[in-house]
N, C-alpha and C. Protein backbone atom coordinates (compact mmCIF):
# COMPACT_ATOMS: atom_id res chain seq x y z
N MET A 1 17.42 -199.87 -47.86
CA MET A 1 16.52 -198.75 -47.78
C MET A 1 15.07 -199.21 -48.00
N THR A 2 14.89 -200.23 -48.81
CA THR A 2 13.54 -200.75 -49.07
C THR A 2 12.90 -201.23 -47.77
N ARG A 3 13.63 -202.00 -47.02
CA ARG A 3 13.11 -202.53 -45.76
C ARG A 3 12.79 -201.40 -44.79
N ASP A 4 13.63 -200.38 -44.71
CA ASP A 4 13.41 -199.25 -43.80
C ASP A 4 12.13 -198.49 -44.18
N PHE A 5 11.94 -198.25 -45.45
CA PHE A 5 10.75 -197.52 -45.88
C PHE A 5 9.49 -198.34 -45.63
N ARG A 6 9.54 -199.63 -45.93
CA ARG A 6 8.38 -200.48 -45.66
C ARG A 6 8.05 -200.51 -44.17
N SER A 7 9.07 -200.59 -43.33
CA SER A 7 8.86 -200.60 -41.88
C SER A 7 8.21 -199.31 -41.42
N TYR A 8 8.66 -198.19 -41.97
CA TYR A 8 8.05 -196.90 -41.63
C TYR A 8 6.57 -196.89 -42.02
N LEU A 9 6.26 -197.37 -43.20
CA LEU A 9 4.87 -197.39 -43.66
C LEU A 9 3.99 -198.21 -42.72
N LYS A 10 4.50 -199.33 -42.28
CA LYS A 10 3.71 -200.20 -41.41
C LYS A 10 3.57 -199.64 -39.99
N ALA A 11 4.56 -198.91 -39.54
CA ALA A 11 4.57 -198.42 -38.16
C ALA A 11 4.04 -197.00 -38.01
N ASP A 12 3.80 -196.32 -39.10
CA ASP A 12 3.42 -194.91 -39.05
C ASP A 12 2.06 -194.67 -38.42
N GLY A 13 1.19 -195.67 -38.41
CA GLY A 13 -0.11 -195.53 -37.79
C GLY A 13 -1.22 -195.14 -38.74
N ARG A 14 -0.89 -194.78 -39.96
CA ARG A 14 -1.90 -194.45 -40.96
C ARG A 14 -2.24 -195.69 -41.76
N LYS A 15 -3.48 -196.07 -41.77
CA LYS A 15 -3.92 -197.30 -42.42
C LYS A 15 -3.56 -197.31 -43.91
N ALA A 16 -3.76 -196.18 -44.60
CA ALA A 16 -3.45 -196.11 -46.03
C ALA A 16 -1.96 -196.29 -46.28
N ASP A 17 -1.13 -195.76 -45.38
CA ASP A 17 0.31 -195.92 -45.53
C ASP A 17 0.73 -197.37 -45.31
N ALA A 18 0.15 -198.03 -44.33
CA ALA A 18 0.48 -199.42 -44.05
C ALA A 18 0.13 -200.30 -45.25
N ALA A 19 -0.99 -200.02 -45.90
CA ALA A 19 -1.39 -200.80 -47.08
C ALA A 19 -0.43 -200.57 -48.24
N MET A 20 0.21 -199.42 -48.29
CA MET A 20 1.14 -199.09 -49.36
C MET A 20 2.40 -199.95 -49.30
N ALA A 21 2.78 -200.41 -48.12
CA ALA A 21 4.02 -201.17 -47.94
C ALA A 21 4.12 -202.36 -48.88
N GLY A 22 3.02 -203.05 -49.11
CA GLY A 22 3.03 -204.21 -49.99
C GLY A 22 3.22 -203.88 -51.46
N HIS A 23 3.07 -202.61 -51.82
CA HIS A 23 3.23 -202.17 -53.21
C HIS A 23 4.64 -201.67 -53.52
N VAL A 24 5.45 -201.48 -52.48
CA VAL A 24 6.82 -200.98 -52.67
C VAL A 24 7.73 -202.15 -53.01
N LEU A 25 8.31 -202.10 -54.21
CA LEU A 25 9.21 -203.17 -54.65
C LEU A 25 10.65 -202.90 -54.25
N THR A 26 11.15 -201.72 -54.59
CA THR A 26 12.53 -201.36 -54.28
C THR A 26 12.65 -199.87 -54.01
N VAL A 27 13.66 -199.52 -53.23
CA VAL A 27 13.99 -198.12 -52.95
C VAL A 27 15.49 -197.97 -53.13
N TYR A 28 15.87 -197.00 -53.95
CA TYR A 28 17.28 -196.68 -54.16
C TYR A 28 17.50 -195.23 -53.78
N VAL A 29 18.55 -194.98 -53.02
CA VAL A 29 18.87 -193.62 -52.58
C VAL A 29 20.35 -193.39 -52.84
N ARG A 30 20.67 -192.19 -53.33
CA ARG A 30 22.08 -191.85 -53.52
C ARG A 30 22.27 -190.37 -53.24
N ASN A 31 23.47 -190.03 -52.86
CA ASN A 31 23.86 -188.64 -52.63
C ASN A 31 24.94 -188.30 -53.65
N PRO A 32 24.56 -187.61 -54.72
CA PRO A 32 25.55 -187.28 -55.75
C PRO A 32 26.69 -186.43 -55.18
N GLU A 33 27.87 -186.70 -55.65
CA GLU A 33 29.05 -185.99 -55.20
C GLU A 33 28.93 -184.51 -55.53
N GLY A 34 29.31 -183.67 -54.61
CA GLY A 34 29.30 -182.23 -54.84
C GLY A 34 27.97 -181.55 -54.57
N THR A 35 27.02 -182.27 -54.01
CA THR A 35 25.72 -181.67 -53.69
C THR A 35 25.21 -182.24 -52.38
N ASP A 36 24.35 -181.49 -51.71
CA ASP A 36 23.76 -182.01 -50.47
C ASP A 36 22.32 -182.46 -50.70
N ARG A 37 21.94 -182.58 -51.95
CA ARG A 37 20.58 -182.99 -52.32
C ARG A 37 20.56 -184.49 -52.61
N THR A 38 19.74 -185.23 -51.91
CA THR A 38 19.60 -186.67 -52.07
C THR A 38 18.69 -186.98 -53.26
N GLU A 39 19.01 -188.02 -54.00
CA GLU A 39 18.16 -188.49 -55.09
C GLU A 39 17.65 -189.87 -54.71
N ALA A 40 16.36 -190.11 -54.95
CA ALA A 40 15.77 -191.40 -54.60
C ALA A 40 14.84 -191.86 -55.71
N TRP A 41 14.75 -193.18 -55.85
CA TRP A 41 13.83 -193.81 -56.80
C TRP A 41 13.11 -194.93 -56.06
N VAL A 42 11.81 -194.95 -56.22
CA VAL A 42 10.99 -195.98 -55.59
C VAL A 42 10.21 -196.69 -56.70
N ARG A 43 10.36 -198.00 -56.77
CA ARG A 43 9.57 -198.80 -57.72
C ARG A 43 8.38 -199.39 -56.97
N VAL A 44 7.20 -199.23 -57.57
CA VAL A 44 5.95 -199.71 -56.96
C VAL A 44 5.17 -200.55 -57.96
N THR A 45 4.16 -201.24 -57.46
CA THR A 45 3.32 -202.06 -58.33
C THR A 45 2.09 -201.32 -58.84
N TYR A 46 1.93 -200.06 -58.48
CA TYR A 46 0.77 -199.30 -58.92
C TYR A 46 0.80 -199.10 -60.43
N GLY A 47 -0.35 -199.33 -61.07
CA GLY A 47 -0.45 -199.21 -62.52
C GLY A 47 -1.17 -197.95 -62.95
N VAL A 48 -1.57 -197.92 -64.20
CA VAL A 48 -2.17 -196.74 -64.83
C VAL A 48 -3.37 -196.20 -64.06
N MET A 49 -4.24 -197.04 -63.62
CA MET A 49 -5.46 -196.60 -62.94
C MET A 49 -5.22 -196.25 -61.48
N GLU A 50 -3.97 -196.27 -61.05
CA GLU A 50 -3.63 -196.01 -59.65
C GLU A 50 -2.65 -194.84 -59.51
N GLN A 51 -2.80 -193.84 -60.38
CA GLN A 51 -1.90 -192.69 -60.35
C GLN A 51 -1.94 -191.97 -59.00
N GLU A 52 -3.11 -191.84 -58.42
CA GLU A 52 -3.22 -191.18 -57.12
C GLU A 52 -2.42 -191.91 -56.05
N ASP A 53 -2.38 -193.23 -56.13
CA ASP A 53 -1.60 -194.01 -55.17
C ASP A 53 -0.10 -193.77 -55.37
N ALA A 54 0.33 -193.66 -56.62
CA ALA A 54 1.73 -193.37 -56.90
C ALA A 54 2.10 -191.98 -56.40
N ASP A 55 1.20 -191.01 -56.61
CA ASP A 55 1.44 -189.65 -56.11
C ASP A 55 1.55 -189.66 -54.59
N ARG A 56 0.69 -190.42 -53.94
CA ARG A 56 0.72 -190.52 -52.48
C ARG A 56 2.03 -191.16 -52.01
N ALA A 57 2.49 -192.18 -52.73
CA ALA A 57 3.76 -192.83 -52.38
C ALA A 57 4.91 -191.82 -52.41
N ALA A 58 4.92 -190.96 -53.41
CA ALA A 58 5.97 -189.93 -53.50
C ALA A 58 5.89 -188.98 -52.31
N ARG A 59 4.70 -188.54 -51.96
CA ARG A 59 4.53 -187.61 -50.83
C ARG A 59 4.93 -188.27 -49.51
N VAL A 60 4.54 -189.53 -49.33
CA VAL A 60 4.86 -190.22 -48.08
C VAL A 60 6.37 -190.47 -47.98
N PHE A 61 6.99 -190.84 -49.10
CA PHE A 61 8.44 -191.03 -49.08
C PHE A 61 9.13 -189.73 -48.70
N ALA A 62 8.70 -188.61 -49.27
CA ALA A 62 9.29 -187.31 -48.95
C ALA A 62 9.11 -186.99 -47.47
N ARG A 63 7.94 -187.25 -46.93
CA ARG A 63 7.69 -187.01 -45.50
C ARG A 63 8.62 -187.88 -44.64
N TRP A 64 8.78 -189.14 -45.03
CA TRP A 64 9.64 -190.06 -44.29
C TRP A 64 11.09 -189.57 -44.27
N ARG A 65 11.63 -189.25 -45.43
CA ARG A 65 13.03 -188.82 -45.50
C ARG A 65 13.24 -187.55 -44.69
N SER A 66 12.33 -186.62 -44.80
CA SER A 66 12.45 -185.36 -44.09
C SER A 66 12.38 -185.56 -42.58
N SER A 67 11.43 -186.36 -42.13
CA SER A 67 11.25 -186.54 -40.69
C SER A 67 12.28 -187.46 -40.06
N VAL A 68 12.69 -188.50 -40.76
CA VAL A 68 13.62 -189.47 -40.16
C VAL A 68 15.08 -189.09 -40.40
N TYR A 69 15.41 -188.65 -41.61
CA TYR A 69 16.80 -188.36 -41.95
C TYR A 69 17.14 -186.88 -41.94
N GLY A 70 16.14 -186.02 -42.04
CA GLY A 70 16.38 -184.58 -42.01
C GLY A 70 17.14 -184.05 -43.21
N ASP A 71 17.15 -184.79 -44.29
CA ASP A 71 17.87 -184.33 -45.48
C ASP A 71 16.89 -183.69 -46.47
N HIS A 72 17.41 -183.28 -47.61
CA HIS A 72 16.61 -182.66 -48.67
C HIS A 72 16.90 -183.40 -49.96
N GLY A 73 15.88 -183.52 -50.81
CA GLY A 73 16.12 -184.19 -52.07
C GLY A 73 14.91 -184.29 -52.95
N HIS A 74 14.96 -185.26 -53.84
CA HIS A 74 13.92 -185.47 -54.84
C HIS A 74 13.70 -186.97 -55.00
N VAL A 75 12.43 -187.37 -55.08
CA VAL A 75 12.10 -188.79 -55.28
C VAL A 75 11.28 -188.94 -56.55
N GLY A 76 11.59 -189.98 -57.28
CA GLY A 76 10.79 -190.39 -58.42
C GLY A 76 10.20 -191.75 -58.12
N VAL A 77 8.91 -191.88 -58.31
CA VAL A 77 8.21 -193.15 -58.08
C VAL A 77 7.76 -193.66 -59.44
N THR A 78 8.11 -194.91 -59.75
CA THR A 78 7.71 -195.50 -61.03
C THR A 78 7.02 -196.83 -60.82
N GLY A 79 6.03 -197.04 -61.65
CA GLY A 79 5.29 -198.28 -61.65
C GLY A 79 5.14 -198.76 -63.09
N PRO A 80 4.46 -199.88 -63.29
CA PRO A 80 4.28 -200.38 -64.65
C PRO A 80 3.37 -199.46 -65.47
N ALA A 81 3.48 -199.58 -66.76
CA ALA A 81 2.61 -198.86 -67.70
C ALA A 81 2.70 -197.34 -67.54
N LYS A 82 3.91 -196.83 -67.43
CA LYS A 82 4.15 -195.38 -67.39
C LYS A 82 3.51 -194.66 -66.21
N THR A 83 3.40 -195.30 -65.09
CA THR A 83 2.90 -194.67 -63.88
C THR A 83 4.09 -194.03 -63.20
N ASP A 84 4.10 -192.70 -63.13
CA ASP A 84 5.21 -191.96 -62.56
C ASP A 84 4.69 -190.87 -61.62
N ALA A 85 5.45 -190.61 -60.58
CA ALA A 85 5.16 -189.50 -59.65
C ALA A 85 6.48 -188.97 -59.12
N GLU A 86 6.48 -187.72 -58.71
CA GLU A 86 7.69 -187.09 -58.18
C GLU A 86 7.33 -186.20 -57.01
N ALA A 87 8.30 -185.99 -56.13
CA ALA A 87 8.14 -185.06 -55.02
C ALA A 87 9.51 -184.59 -54.55
N ASP A 88 9.55 -183.37 -54.09
CA ASP A 88 10.74 -182.81 -53.44
C ASP A 88 10.49 -182.78 -51.95
N TRP A 89 11.57 -182.85 -51.20
CA TRP A 89 11.46 -182.68 -49.76
C TRP A 89 12.62 -181.86 -49.26
């Protein structure tokens, strides 16, 4: 999933999204049993002074999952030094 998300970022055509690809370390996605809501976690290199970038990563991930997979869920983005962001899609 990490490779797929990075590829989307690079191919999406938005310069800011393409630059984000290098900050994505890992992507984990799971579909808990008994629900149709996907759960995802994205680890990034964004730190404390880059909260806006982490928030953007959550929004872009949500847009990607919705447009490419058509599913619904929640993503948590974490970086070093308590940098966290979340988004639903």
